[in-house]
């Protein structure tokens, strides 16, 4: 019985720790998103700025945010945004999509990139946090 109780406690501890880590990653990603705020919006009521709003980015085809004037390079890139595409792009946008209008130099820190993806990818197309 003691082994069973100990095992159950270990499972609960690991689950709680994993949930806490996800929350921390999203919080750190929100902080990193401050670098993006001058050009991009996300969340309920987000509108295009210098760059497109980023709601529902995960699974969205590049160059398709409504009412945003994309570069031909972005519209014709053939990219469907997902975790791998985003992480490669955010390291060096101009290398990933030559001719993009995005003037951002990129983020090189892997942890920051992971946290930023965790934050950005949690928003659905309406700017609500996915359940």
N, C-alpha and C. Protein backbone atom coordinates (compact mmCIF):
# COMPACT_ATOMS: atom_id res chain seq x y z
N UNK A 1 0.83 -1.20 0.00
CA UNK A 1 0.00 0.00 0.00
C UNK A 1 0.87 1.25 0.00
N UNK A 2 1.99 1.22 0.77
CA UNK A 2 2.86 2.40 0.81
C UNK A 2 3.46 2.67 -0.56
N UNK A 3 3.82 1.60 -1.29
CA UNK A 3 4.39 1.79 -2.63
C UNK A 3 3.36 2.40 -3.58
N UNK A 4 2.12 1.97 -3.48
CA UNK A 4 1.06 2.49 -4.32
C UNK A 4 0.81 3.97 -4.03
N UNK A 5 0.78 4.33 -2.75
CA UNK A 5 0.58 5.73 -2.36
C UNK A 5 1.75 6.58 -2.83
N UNK A 6 2.96 6.08 -2.66
CA UNK A 6 4.16 6.82 -3.09
C UNK A 6 4.13 7.03 -4.60
N UNK A 7 3.77 5.97 -5.35
CA UNK A 7 3.69 6.06 -6.81
C UNK A 7 2.68 7.10 -7.26
N UNK A 8 1.53 7.10 -6.60
CA UNK A 8 0.48 8.07 -6.94
C UNK A 8 0.96 9.49 -6.67
N UNK A 9 1.64 9.69 -5.56
CA UNK A 9 2.18 11.01 -5.23
C UNK A 9 3.22 11.45 -6.25
N UNK A 10 4.04 10.54 -6.71
CA UNK A 10 5.06 10.88 -7.71
C UNK A 10 4.39 11.32 -9.01
N UNK A 11 3.35 10.61 -9.42
CA UNK A 11 2.65 10.96 -10.66
C UNK A 11 2.02 12.35 -10.53
N UNK A 12 1.40 12.63 -9.40
CA UNK A 12 0.80 13.94 -9.18
C UNK A 12 1.85 15.04 -9.18
N UNK A 13 2.99 14.78 -8.58
CA UNK A 13 4.07 15.77 -8.54
C UNK A 13 4.60 16.06 -9.93
N UNK A 14 4.84 15.02 -10.71
CA UNK A 14 5.35 15.21 -12.07
C UNK A 14 4.34 15.97 -12.92
N UNK A 15 3.07 15.64 -12.81
CA UNK A 15 2.02 16.32 -13.57
C UNK A 15 1.95 17.79 -13.19
N UNK A 16 1.98 18.09 -11.92
CA UNK A 16 1.91 19.48 -11.46
C UNK A 16 3.14 20.26 -11.92
N UNK A 17 4.30 19.63 -11.87
CA UNK A 17 5.53 20.29 -12.30
C UNK A 17 5.49 20.58 -13.80
N UNK A 18 5.02 19.63 -14.59
CA UNK A 18 4.92 19.83 -16.03
C UNK A 18 3.95 20.95 -16.37
N UNK A 19 2.82 21.02 -15.69
CA UNK A 19 1.86 22.09 -15.92
C UNK A 19 2.45 23.44 -15.56
N UNK A 20 3.20 23.49 -14.47
CA UNK A 20 3.84 24.73 -14.06
C UNK A 20 4.88 25.18 -15.06
N UNK A 21 5.62 24.23 -15.64
CA UNK A 21 6.63 24.58 -16.62
C UNK A 21 5.99 25.17 -17.87
N UNK A 22 4.86 24.61 -18.31
CA UNK A 22 4.17 25.15 -19.48
C UNK A 22 3.72 26.58 -19.22
N UNK A 23 3.19 26.84 -18.02
CA UNK A 23 2.74 28.19 -17.69
C UNK A 23 3.92 29.16 -17.68
N UNK A 24 5.05 28.70 -17.16
CA UNK A 24 6.24 29.56 -17.14
C UNK A 24 6.72 29.85 -18.55
N UNK A 25 6.69 28.87 -19.43
CA UNK A 25 7.12 29.08 -20.81
C UNK A 25 6.24 30.11 -21.50
N UNK A 26 4.93 30.02 -21.32
CA UNK A 26 4.03 30.99 -21.93
C UNK A 26 4.25 32.38 -21.35
N UNK A 27 4.49 32.45 -20.06
CA UNK A 27 4.75 33.76 -19.42
C UNK A 27 6.06 34.35 -19.94
N UNK A 28 7.07 33.53 -20.07
CA UNK A 28 8.35 34.01 -20.61
C UNK A 28 8.17 34.40 -22.08
N UNK A 29 7.36 33.64 -22.80
CA UNK A 29 7.08 33.96 -24.20
C UNK A 29 6.35 35.28 -24.35
N UNK A 30 5.43 35.54 -23.43
CA UNK A 30 4.71 36.82 -23.45
C UNK A 30 5.69 37.97 -23.27
N UNK A 31 6.65 37.78 -22.38
CA UNK A 31 7.68 38.79 -22.17
C UNK A 31 8.51 38.99 -23.44
N UNK A 32 8.88 37.89 -24.09
CA UNK A 32 9.63 37.97 -25.35
C UNK A 32 8.82 38.65 -26.44
N UNK A 33 7.51 38.46 -26.42
CA UNK A 33 6.65 39.05 -27.44
C UNK A 33 6.70 40.58 -27.40
N UNK A 34 7.19 41.14 -26.31
CA UNK A 34 7.35 42.60 -26.25
C UNK A 34 8.24 43.11 -27.38
N UNK A 35 9.17 42.27 -27.85
CA UNK A 35 10.03 42.64 -28.98
C UNK A 35 9.21 42.74 -30.27
N UNK A 36 8.08 42.08 -30.31
CA UNK A 36 7.25 42.00 -31.51
C UNK A 36 6.14 43.06 -31.52
N UNK A 37 5.83 43.60 -30.34
CA UNK A 37 4.65 44.47 -30.18
C UNK A 37 4.66 45.72 -31.05
N UNK A 38 5.81 46.23 -31.38
CA UNK A 38 5.84 47.45 -32.21
C UNK A 38 5.21 47.19 -33.58
N UNK A 39 5.30 45.95 -34.05
CA UNK A 39 4.83 45.64 -35.40
C UNK A 39 3.66 44.65 -35.45
N UNK A 40 3.48 43.84 -34.41
CA UNK A 40 2.47 42.77 -34.43
C UNK A 40 1.56 42.85 -33.20
N UNK A 41 0.32 42.42 -33.39
CA UNK A 41 -0.63 42.31 -32.29
C UNK A 41 -1.11 40.87 -32.22
N UNK A 42 -1.56 40.47 -31.04
CA UNK A 42 -2.10 39.13 -30.84
C UNK A 42 -3.11 39.20 -29.71
N UNK A 43 -4.07 38.31 -29.73
CA UNK A 43 -5.10 38.29 -28.69
C UNK A 43 -6.40 38.88 -29.21
N UNK A 44 -7.41 38.88 -28.35
CA UNK A 44 -8.72 39.38 -28.75
C UNK A 44 -8.62 40.85 -29.18
N UNK A 45 -9.23 41.16 -30.29
CA UNK A 45 -9.21 42.53 -30.81
C UNK A 45 -7.95 42.91 -31.55
N UNK A 46 -7.03 41.99 -31.76
CA UNK A 46 -5.77 42.30 -32.45
C UNK A 46 -6.04 42.78 -33.87
N UNK A 47 -5.31 43.78 -34.28
CA UNK A 47 -5.42 44.33 -35.64
C UNK A 47 -4.03 44.34 -36.27
N UNK A 48 -4.00 44.38 -37.59
CA UNK A 48 -2.73 44.52 -38.30
C UNK A 48 -2.08 45.83 -37.93
N UNK A 49 -0.77 45.82 -37.84
CA UNK A 49 0.02 47.03 -37.62
C UNK A 49 0.99 47.13 -38.80
N UNK A 50 2.24 47.43 -38.51
CA UNK A 50 3.27 47.39 -39.54
C UNK A 50 3.39 45.96 -40.07
N UNK A 51 3.19 44.99 -39.17
CA UNK A 51 3.13 43.57 -39.54
C UNK A 51 1.73 43.04 -39.28
N UNK A 52 1.44 41.84 -39.77
CA UNK A 52 0.09 41.28 -39.59
C UNK A 52 -0.17 40.84 -38.16
N UNK A 53 -1.45 40.80 -37.79
CA UNK A 53 -1.81 40.24 -36.48
C UNK A 53 -1.48 38.75 -36.54
N UNK A 54 -1.19 38.17 -35.39
CA UNK A 54 -0.66 36.80 -35.36
C UNK A 54 -1.62 35.78 -34.76
N UNK A 55 -2.88 36.12 -34.61
CA UNK A 55 -3.85 35.15 -34.10
C UNK A 55 -3.96 33.96 -35.05
N UNK A 56 -4.04 32.77 -34.47
CA UNK A 56 -4.21 31.57 -35.28
C UNK A 56 -3.04 31.27 -36.19
N UNK A 57 -1.84 31.68 -35.79
CA UNK A 57 -0.67 31.50 -36.64
C UNK A 57 -0.39 30.02 -36.91
N UNK A 58 -0.54 29.18 -35.90
CA UNK A 58 -0.27 27.75 -36.06
C UNK A 58 -1.27 27.15 -37.05
N UNK A 59 -0.79 26.74 -38.22
CA UNK A 59 -1.64 26.17 -39.25
C UNK A 59 -2.07 27.16 -40.33
N UNK A 60 -1.73 28.42 -40.17
CA UNK A 60 -2.11 29.45 -41.15
C UNK A 60 -1.10 29.47 -42.29
N UNK A 61 -1.56 29.65 -43.50
CA UNK A 61 -0.67 29.78 -44.65
C UNK A 61 -0.05 31.17 -44.64
N UNK A 62 1.22 31.24 -44.96
CA UNK A 62 1.93 32.51 -45.00
C UNK A 62 1.27 33.46 -46.00
N UNK A 63 1.17 34.72 -45.61
CA UNK A 63 0.63 35.73 -46.51
C UNK A 63 -0.88 35.78 -46.58
N UNK A 64 -1.58 35.26 -45.54
CA UNK A 64 -3.04 35.19 -45.65
C UNK A 64 -3.80 35.90 -44.54
N UNK A 65 -3.15 36.65 -43.68
CA UNK A 65 -3.91 37.40 -42.67
C UNK A 65 -4.77 38.43 -43.41
N UNK A 66 -6.06 38.48 -43.11
CA UNK A 66 -6.96 39.40 -43.82
C UNK A 66 -6.50 40.85 -43.73
N UNK A 67 -6.64 41.55 -44.85
CA UNK A 67 -6.41 43.00 -44.92
C UNK A 67 -4.97 43.42 -44.64
N UNK A 68 -4.01 42.51 -44.78
CA UNK A 68 -2.61 42.89 -44.63
C UNK A 68 -1.93 42.83 -45.98
N UNK A 69 -1.13 43.83 -46.27
CA UNK A 69 -0.43 43.94 -47.56
C UNK A 69 0.94 43.26 -47.45
N UNK A 70 0.97 41.98 -47.75
CA UNK A 70 2.20 41.19 -47.68
C UNK A 70 3.10 41.44 -48.88
N UNK A 71 4.39 41.16 -48.69
CA UNK A 71 5.33 41.14 -49.82
C UNK A 71 5.01 39.92 -50.68
N UNK A 72 5.36 39.99 -51.95
CA UNK A 72 5.18 38.84 -52.83
C UNK A 72 5.97 37.64 -52.30
N UNK A 73 7.14 37.91 -51.75
CA UNK A 73 7.97 36.82 -51.22
C UNK A 73 7.22 36.06 -50.13
N UNK A 74 6.54 36.76 -49.26
CA UNK A 74 5.80 36.11 -48.18
C UNK A 74 4.58 35.38 -48.72
N UNK A 75 3.84 36.02 -49.61
CA UNK A 75 2.63 35.41 -50.18
C UNK A 75 2.97 34.14 -50.96
N UNK A 76 4.13 34.13 -51.60
CA UNK A 76 4.50 33.02 -52.47
C UNK A 76 5.47 32.03 -51.82
N UNK A 77 5.68 32.15 -50.52
CA UNK A 77 6.67 31.29 -49.84
C UNK A 77 6.22 29.83 -49.74
N UNK A 78 4.91 29.59 -49.77
CA UNK A 78 4.41 28.23 -49.63
C UNK A 78 4.44 27.70 -48.20
N UNK A 79 4.74 28.55 -47.26
CA UNK A 79 4.85 28.12 -45.87
C UNK A 79 3.48 28.00 -45.22
N UNK A 80 3.27 26.93 -44.50
CA UNK A 80 2.16 26.80 -43.56
C UNK A 80 2.81 26.84 -42.19
N UNK A 81 2.45 27.84 -41.41
CA UNK A 81 3.12 28.04 -40.13
C UNK A 81 2.83 26.90 -39.16
N UNK A 82 3.91 26.41 -38.58
CA UNK A 82 3.86 25.42 -37.51
C UNK A 82 5.08 25.68 -36.64
N UNK A 83 5.28 24.86 -35.66
CA UNK A 83 6.38 25.09 -34.72
C UNK A 83 7.74 25.12 -35.42
N UNK A 84 8.02 24.15 -36.26
CA UNK A 84 9.33 24.08 -36.92
C UNK A 84 9.55 25.27 -37.85
N UNK A 85 8.53 25.61 -38.64
CA UNK A 85 8.64 26.74 -39.58
C UNK A 85 8.88 28.04 -38.82
N UNK A 86 8.09 28.25 -37.76
CA UNK A 86 8.21 29.48 -36.97
C UNK A 86 9.61 29.60 -36.36
N UNK A 87 10.09 28.52 -35.77
CA UNK A 87 11.39 28.56 -35.09
C UNK A 87 12.52 28.84 -36.07
N UNK A 88 12.44 28.27 -37.25
CA UNK A 88 13.46 28.55 -38.27
C UNK A 88 13.36 30.00 -38.73
N UNK A 89 12.14 30.47 -38.95
CA UNK A 89 11.91 31.83 -39.43
C UNK A 89 12.38 32.89 -38.42
N UNK A 90 12.00 32.70 -37.17
CA UNK A 90 12.26 33.75 -36.18
C UNK A 90 13.75 33.91 -35.87
N UNK A 91 14.55 32.90 -36.20
CA UNK A 91 16.01 33.01 -36.03
C UNK A 91 16.59 34.02 -37.02
N UNK A 92 16.07 34.03 -38.24
CA UNK A 92 16.59 34.91 -39.28
C UNK A 92 15.54 35.04 -40.39
N UNK A 93 14.57 35.95 -40.19
CA UNK A 93 13.45 36.06 -41.14
C UNK A 93 13.88 36.25 -42.60
N UNK A 94 14.87 37.07 -42.85
CA UNK A 94 15.28 37.35 -44.23
C UNK A 94 15.96 36.15 -44.89
N UNK A 95 16.55 35.28 -44.10
CA UNK A 95 17.15 34.06 -44.66
C UNK A 95 16.06 33.05 -45.00
N UNK A 96 15.03 32.97 -44.17
CA UNK A 96 13.94 32.01 -44.38
C UNK A 96 13.06 32.43 -45.56
N UNK A 97 12.75 33.74 -45.63
CA UNK A 97 11.93 34.25 -46.73
C UNK A 97 12.65 35.46 -47.33
N UNK A 98 13.57 35.22 -48.25
CA UNK A 98 14.26 36.34 -48.90
C UNK A 98 13.23 37.26 -49.58
N UNK A 99 13.36 38.55 -49.32
CA UNK A 99 12.43 39.52 -49.89
C UNK A 99 11.28 39.89 -48.96
N UNK A 100 11.24 39.29 -47.76
CA UNK A 100 10.20 39.66 -46.80
C UNK A 100 10.36 41.12 -46.39
N UNK A 101 9.25 41.76 -46.02
CA UNK A 101 9.30 43.14 -45.53
C UNK A 101 9.74 43.20 -44.07
N UNK A 102 9.74 42.04 -43.40
CA UNK A 102 10.06 42.03 -41.97
C UNK A 102 11.51 42.43 -41.76
N UNK A 103 11.71 43.52 -41.02
CA UNK A 103 13.04 44.07 -40.81
C UNK A 103 13.69 43.57 -39.53
N UNK A 104 13.05 42.66 -38.82
CA UNK A 104 13.55 42.14 -37.55
C UNK A 104 14.77 41.26 -37.78
N UNK A 105 15.82 41.45 -36.98
CA UNK A 105 17.07 40.70 -37.15
C UNK A 105 16.94 39.24 -36.72
N UNK A 106 16.01 38.95 -35.83
CA UNK A 106 15.81 37.58 -35.39
C UNK A 106 16.17 37.37 -33.94
N UNK A 107 15.81 36.20 -33.43
CA UNK A 107 16.11 35.77 -32.06
C UNK A 107 16.97 34.53 -32.18
N UNK A 108 18.10 34.52 -31.53
CA UNK A 108 19.04 33.41 -31.64
C UNK A 108 18.94 32.43 -30.47
N UNK A 109 18.44 32.87 -29.33
CA UNK A 109 18.40 32.04 -28.13
C UNK A 109 17.28 31.00 -28.25
N UNK A 110 17.65 29.71 -28.20
CA UNK A 110 16.69 28.62 -28.39
C UNK A 110 15.59 28.62 -27.33
N UNK A 111 15.94 28.87 -26.09
CA UNK A 111 14.94 28.89 -25.02
C UNK A 111 13.94 30.01 -25.26
N UNK A 112 14.42 31.17 -25.64
CA UNK A 112 13.52 32.28 -25.92
C UNK A 112 12.61 31.96 -27.10
N UNK A 113 13.15 31.35 -28.12
CA UNK A 113 12.35 30.96 -29.29
C UNK A 113 11.27 29.97 -28.88
N UNK A 114 11.63 28.97 -28.08
CA UNK A 114 10.66 27.98 -27.60
C UNK A 114 9.55 28.65 -26.80
N UNK A 115 9.93 29.56 -25.92
CA UNK A 115 8.94 30.25 -25.09
C UNK A 115 8.04 31.14 -25.95
N UNK A 116 8.61 31.80 -26.93
CA UNK A 116 7.83 32.66 -27.81
C UNK A 116 6.81 31.83 -28.60
N UNK A 117 7.23 30.67 -29.11
CA UNK A 117 6.28 29.81 -29.83
C UNK A 117 5.17 29.34 -28.89
N UNK A 118 5.51 28.97 -27.66
CA UNK A 118 4.50 28.53 -26.70
C UNK A 118 3.46 29.63 -26.50
N UNK A 119 3.90 30.86 -26.41
CA UNK A 119 2.99 31.99 -26.23
C UNK A 119 2.14 32.23 -27.48
N UNK A 120 2.77 32.38 -28.62
CA UNK A 120 2.07 32.73 -29.85
C UNK A 120 1.09 31.63 -30.27
N UNK A 121 1.49 30.39 -30.15
CA UNK A 121 0.68 29.29 -30.65
C UNK A 121 -0.54 28.98 -29.78
N UNK A 122 -0.64 29.61 -28.62
CA UNK A 122 -1.80 29.35 -27.76
C UNK A 122 -3.05 30.10 -28.21
N UNK A 123 -2.91 31.05 -29.14
CA UNK A 123 -4.05 31.86 -29.58
C UNK A 123 -4.71 31.27 -30.81
N UNK A 124 -6.04 31.16 -30.78
CA UNK A 124 -6.76 30.69 -31.96
C UNK A 124 -6.99 31.88 -32.90
N UNK A 125 -7.66 31.64 -34.03
CA UNK A 125 -7.84 32.69 -35.03
C UNK A 125 -8.64 33.88 -34.54
N UNK A 126 -9.42 33.69 -33.47
CA UNK A 126 -10.22 34.77 -32.89
C UNK A 126 -9.50 35.49 -31.76
N UNK A 127 -8.27 35.08 -31.48
CA UNK A 127 -7.50 35.72 -30.42
C UNK A 127 -7.79 35.17 -29.03
N UNK A 128 -8.54 34.10 -28.98
CA UNK A 128 -8.81 33.47 -27.68
C UNK A 128 -7.76 32.41 -27.42
N UNK A 129 -7.46 32.20 -26.14
CA UNK A 129 -6.51 31.16 -25.78
C UNK A 129 -7.19 29.81 -25.92
N UNK A 130 -6.53 28.92 -26.65
CA UNK A 130 -7.07 27.58 -26.90
C UNK A 130 -7.21 26.84 -25.57
N UNK A 131 -8.25 26.05 -25.48
CA UNK A 131 -8.47 25.26 -24.26
C UNK A 131 -7.83 23.92 -24.36
